[in-house]
Each structure stands twice: as structure tokens, then as C-alpha cells.
Amino acid sequence: MVSQITRGIKISVLTSFEGTYFKNYKIHFAFSYVITIENHSKDSVQLISRHWEIFDSLNDIEIVDGEGVIGKKPVLKPGEFHTYSSGCLLSSPYGAMKGYFNMINFTSTKKFKVIVPAFRLSAPFALN
């Protein structure tokens, strides 16, 4: 598990290798990740959007931007947390992801970025 705190918001990520499958005559490696967002600040905040950089050892970097996370824009009061699961497919057994969440502080009405630390996506059989 990797964790990082930005402006009182703690992001923790836990990853898993889910297996391989063939699609369009190519092998794909499936990974899941669980992200927990904890509000350690004194203000209520809301996650508005996300930005991901997905590194695949056999491909270029893929950039993914979108609203919320899995269709939600959670509001977190001080001391609250939100956990969600998602996943990605790679064309190799090794890669990584990193990014950030755009959030808004309800007290100051200011937007800010919360860093999602880089986390590895690696199939157990690919590690030496």
C-alpha cells in the first residue's frame, strides 16, 4: 500500500493483479486498485474530477481525465473517508499509475489538487 497526504487529504492505494485474458487476439493483464480518501483537514471538501497517467511498460503513457470517481463526486466532512475500487488493463505484466484529484474546499470555496502517489501494477510472476 502507498499513501500520501496533500493539504490534509490522505490518499491510500492498494493494488491487486486479477489475471490475464485474450481480447482481439492480444493478451491483456488486468489490475484492480482500491483507493481510500481520508479528510484529515478541518474543512469539508468535495472531489470534483480526476487525472490519471497510466504507464504500461510496452506502450506509451495513457492520460485519462474525467469527472468524479466511478460516477460519484463524494463530499467528505472532517474525519470522514471514501473508498472505491476500480481497475485498468495493460498490455504488459508491469506498469504504474499516478495522478491527482481536483477538489474544492467548501469553507474557502477554493479548488485544489490532491496528489495520488505513484503505485505499481505488477503481476506476481513478472517480478524477479
C-alpha atoms as a PDB file:
ATOM      1  CA  MET A   1       0.000   0.000   0.000  1.00  0.00           C
ATOM      2  CA  VAL A   2       1.157   3.521  -0.780  1.00  0.00           C
ATOM      3  CA  SER A   3      -0.137   6.675   0.919  1.00  0.00           C
ATOM      4  CA  GLN A   4       0.342  10.422   0.662  1.00  0.00           C
ATOM      5  CA  ILE A   5      -1.196  13.465   2.351  1.00  0.00           C
ATOM      6  CA  THR A   6      -1.832  16.703   0.433  1.00  0.00           C
ATOM      7  CA  ARG A   7      -3.403  19.660   2.264  1.00  0.00           C
ATOM      8  CA  GLY A   8      -4.902  17.402   4.908  1.00  0.00           C
ATOM      9  CA  ILE A   9      -6.338  14.853   2.460  1.00  0.00           C
ATOM     10  CA  LYS A  10      -4.776  11.386   2.709  1.00  0.00           C
ATOM     11  CA  ILE A  11      -4.833   9.100  -0.314  1.00  0.00           C
ATOM     12  CA  SER A  12      -4.061   5.387   0.162  1.00  0.00           C
ATOM     13  CA  VAL A  13      -3.870   2.864  -2.685  1.00  0.00           C
ATOM     14  CA  LEU A  14      -3.885  -0.940  -2.572  1.00  0.00           C
ATOM     15  CA  THR A  15      -3.419  -2.893  -5.834  1.00  0.00           C
ATOM     16  CA  SER A  16      -4.089  -6.461  -7.000  1.00  0.00           C
ATOM     17  CA  PHE A  17      -3.354  -8.488 -10.108  1.00  0.00           C
ATOM     18  CA  GLU A  18      -6.625 -10.001 -11.353  1.00  0.00           C
ATOM     19  CA  GLY A  19      -5.387 -12.240 -14.162  1.00  0.00           C
ATOM     20  CA  THR A  20      -4.942 -12.347 -17.916  1.00  0.00           C
ATOM     21  CA  TYR A  21      -7.311 -12.743 -20.811  1.00  0.00           C
ATOM     22  CA  PHE A  22      -7.312 -12.534 -24.586  1.00  0.00           C
ATOM     23  CA  LYS A  23      -9.163  -9.796 -26.459  1.00  0.00           C
ATOM     24  CA  ASN A  24      -8.772  -9.004 -30.155  1.00  0.00           C
ATOM     25  CA  TYR A  25      -6.024 -11.641 -30.430  1.00  0.00           C
ATOM     26  CA  LYS A  26      -3.912  -9.920 -27.762  1.00  0.00           C
ATOM     27  CA  ILE A  27      -3.197 -10.818 -24.174  1.00  0.00           C
ATOM     28  CA  HIS A  28      -4.238  -8.266 -21.556  1.00  0.00           C
ATOM     29  CA  PHE A  29      -3.210  -8.050 -17.912  1.00  0.00           C
ATOM     30  CA  ALA A  30      -5.980  -6.936 -15.551  1.00  0.00           C
ATOM     31  CA  PHE A  31      -5.278  -4.985 -12.374  1.00  0.00           C
ATOM     32  CA  SER A  32      -7.582  -3.641  -9.706  1.00  0.00           C
ATOM     33  CA  TYR A  33      -6.941  -0.933  -7.163  1.00  0.00           C
ATOM     34  CA  VAL A  34      -8.722   0.297  -4.059  1.00  0.00           C
ATOM     35  CA  ILE A  35      -8.371   3.970  -3.178  1.00  0.00           C
ATOM     36  CA  THR A  36      -9.252   5.442   0.196  1.00  0.00           C
ATOM     37  CA  ILE A  37      -9.606   9.213   0.516  1.00  0.00           C
ATOM     38  CA  GLU A  38      -9.487  10.462   4.121  1.00  0.00           C
ATOM     39  CA  ASN A  39     -10.234  14.016   5.187  1.00  0.00           C
ATOM     40  CA  HIS A  40      -7.799  14.958   7.971  1.00  0.00           C
ATOM     41  CA  SER A  41      -8.419  18.678   7.442  1.00  0.00           C
ATOM     42  CA  LYS A  42     -10.780  20.928   9.405  1.00  0.00           C
ATOM     43  CA  ASP A  43     -12.914  21.759   6.336  1.00  0.00           C
ATOM     44  CA  SER A  44     -15.482  19.867   4.271  1.00  0.00           C
ATOM     45  CA  VAL A  45     -14.240  19.062   0.767  1.00  0.00           C
ATOM     46  CA  GLN A  46     -15.611  17.547  -2.417  1.00  0.00           C
ATOM     47  CA  LEU A  47     -13.851  15.540  -5.105  1.00  0.00           C
ATOM     48  CA  ILE A  48     -14.743  17.063  -8.476  1.00  0.00           C
ATOM     49  CA  SER A  49     -12.576  15.313 -11.056  1.00  0.00           C
ATOM     50  CA  ARG A  50      -9.608  13.009 -11.592  1.00  0.00           C
ATOM     51  CA  HIS A  51      -6.467  12.907 -13.724  1.00  0.00           C
ATOM     52  CA  TRP A  52      -4.537   9.674 -14.330  1.00  0.00           C
ATOM     53  CA  GLU A  53      -1.247   8.918 -16.037  1.00  0.00           C
ATOM     54  CA  ILE A  54      -1.094   5.203 -16.796  1.00  0.00           C
ATOM     55  CA  PHE A  55       2.324   3.761 -17.596  1.00  0.00           C
ATOM     56  CA  ASP A  56       2.471   0.445 -19.463  1.00  0.00           C
ATOM     57  CA  SER A  57       5.949  -0.997 -19.964  1.00  0.00           C
ATOM     58  CA  LEU A  58       5.081  -1.895 -23.571  1.00  0.00           C
ATOM     59  CA  ASN A  59       3.088   1.219 -24.553  1.00  0.00           C
ATOM     60  CA  ASP A  60       3.089   4.976 -24.341  1.00  0.00           C
ATOM     61  CA  ILE A  61       1.647   6.786 -21.338  1.00  0.00           C
ATOM     62  CA  GLU A  62      -2.148   6.961 -21.393  1.00  0.00           C
ATOM     63  CA  ILE A  63      -3.785  10.074 -19.933  1.00  0.00           C
ATOM     64  CA  VAL A  64      -7.297   9.750 -18.511  1.00  0.00           C
ATOM     65  CA  ASP A  65      -9.310  12.721 -17.253  1.00  0.00           C
ATOM     66  CA  GLY A  66     -12.870  12.597 -16.034  1.00  0.00           C
ATOM     67  CA  GLU A  67     -15.471  13.844 -13.619  1.00  0.00           C
ATOM     68  CA  GLY A  68     -15.620  12.311 -10.150  1.00  0.00           C
ATOM     69  CA  VAL A  69     -14.611   8.730  -9.415  1.00  0.00           C
ATOM     70  CA  ILE A  70     -16.746   5.794 -10.581  1.00  0.00           C
ATOM     71  CA  GLY A  71     -19.623   8.161 -11.243  1.00  0.00           C
ATOM     72  CA  LYS A  72     -19.525   9.849  -7.831  1.00  0.00           C
ATOM     73  CA  LYS A  73     -18.334  13.199  -6.505  1.00  0.00           C
ATOM     74  CA  PRO A  74     -18.016  12.421  -2.807  1.00  0.00           C
ATOM     75  CA  VAL A  75     -18.277  15.121  -0.150  1.00  0.00           C
ATOM     76  CA  LEU A  76     -16.069  14.482   2.878  1.00  0.00           C
ATOM     77  CA  LYS A  77     -16.582  16.249   6.183  1.00  0.00           C
ATOM     78  CA  PRO A  78     -13.627  16.430   8.583  1.00  0.00           C
ATOM     79  CA  GLY A  79     -12.767  12.912   9.768  1.00  0.00           C
ATOM     80  CA  GLU A  80     -14.743  11.150   7.022  1.00  0.00           C
ATOM     81  CA  PHE A  81     -13.403   8.862   4.306  1.00  0.00           C
ATOM     82  CA  HIS A  82     -14.495   7.468   0.949  1.00  0.00           C
ATOM     83  CA  THR A  83     -13.271   4.175  -0.506  1.00  0.00           C
ATOM     84  CA  TYR A  84     -13.788   2.953  -4.059  1.00  0.00           C
ATOM     85  CA  SER A  85     -12.492   0.215  -6.350  1.00  0.00           C
ATOM     86  CA  SER A  86     -11.550   0.434  -9.995  1.00  0.00           C
ATOM     87  CA  GLY A  87      -9.143  -1.165 -12.409  1.00  0.00           C
ATOM     88  CA  CYS A  88      -7.182  -0.978 -15.621  1.00  0.00           C
ATOM     89  CA  LEU A  89      -5.868  -3.193 -18.386  1.00  0.00           C
ATOM     90  CA  LEU A  90      -2.261  -3.241 -19.529  1.00  0.00           C
ATOM     91  CA  SER A  91      -0.665  -4.939 -22.498  1.00  0.00           C
ATOM     92  CA  SER A  92       2.248  -5.998 -20.288  1.00  0.00           C
ATOM     93  CA  PRO A  93       2.524  -7.546 -16.824  1.00  0.00           C
ATOM     94  CA  TYR A  94       4.186  -4.443 -15.420  1.00  0.00           C
ATOM     95  CA  GLY A  95       3.177  -0.791 -15.212  1.00  0.00           C
ATOM     96  CA  ALA A  96       2.222   2.011 -12.860  1.00  0.00           C
ATOM     97  CA  MET A  97      -0.297   4.784 -12.314  1.00  0.00           C
ATOM     98  CA  LYS A  98      -0.194   8.206 -10.726  1.00  0.00           C
ATOM     99  CA  GLY A  99      -2.353  11.267 -10.827  1.00  0.00           C
ATOM    100  CA  TYR A 100      -4.392  13.718  -8.824  1.00  0.00           C
ATOM    101  CA  PHE A 101      -7.911  14.583  -7.745  1.00  0.00           C
ATOM    102  CA  ASN A 102      -9.297  18.080  -8.232  1.00  0.00           C
ATOM    103  CA  MET A 103     -11.176  19.053  -5.094  1.00  0.00           C
ATOM    104  CA  ILE A 104     -12.983  22.051  -3.680  1.00  0.00           C
ATOM    105  CA  ASN A 105     -12.791  23.327  -0.107  1.00  0.00           C
ATOM    106  CA  PHE A 106     -16.305  24.356   0.991  1.00  0.00           C
ATOM    107  CA  THR A 107     -15.013  26.811   3.622  1.00  0.00           C
ATOM    108  CA  SER A 108     -12.736  28.829   1.337  1.00  0.00           C
ATOM    109  CA  THR A 109     -14.534  27.855  -1.937  1.00  0.00           C
ATOM    110  CA  LYS A 110     -11.055  27.345  -3.427  1.00  0.00           C
ATOM    111  CA  LYS A 111     -10.159  24.463  -5.710  1.00  0.00           C
ATOM    112  CA  PHE A 112      -7.023  22.439  -5.052  1.00  0.00           C
ATOM    113  CA  LYS A 113      -5.223  19.315  -6.255  1.00  0.00           C
ATOM    114  CA  VAL A 114      -4.656  16.237  -4.122  1.00  0.00           C
ATOM    115  CA  ILE A 115      -1.797  14.044  -5.334  1.00  0.00           C
ATOM    116  CA  VAL A 116      -2.377  10.336  -5.858  1.00  0.00           C
ATOM    117  CA  PRO A 117       1.064   8.798  -5.296  1.00  0.00           C
ATOM    118  CA  ALA A 118       2.528   6.564  -7.980  1.00  0.00           C
ATOM    119  CA  PHE A 119       1.576   2.930  -7.480  1.00  0.00           C
ATOM    120  CA  ARG A 120       2.901  -0.137  -9.242  1.00  0.00           C
ATOM    121  CA  LEU A 121       0.816  -2.579 -11.227  1.00  0.00           C
ATOM    122  CA  SER A 122       2.739  -5.831 -11.438  1.00  0.00           C
ATOM    123  CA  ALA A 123       1.793  -9.430 -11.999  1.00  0.00           C
ATOM    124  CA  PRO A 124       3.432 -11.659  -9.359  1.00  0.00           C
ATOM    125  CA  PHE A 125       5.022 -13.897 -11.999  1.00  0.00           C
ATOM    126  CA  ALA A 126       6.697 -10.853 -13.618  1.00  0.00           C
ATOM    127  CA  LEU A 127       8.734  -9.977 -10.547  1.00  0.00           C
ATOM    128  CA  ASN A 128      12.182 -11.400 -10.069  1.00  0.00           C
END
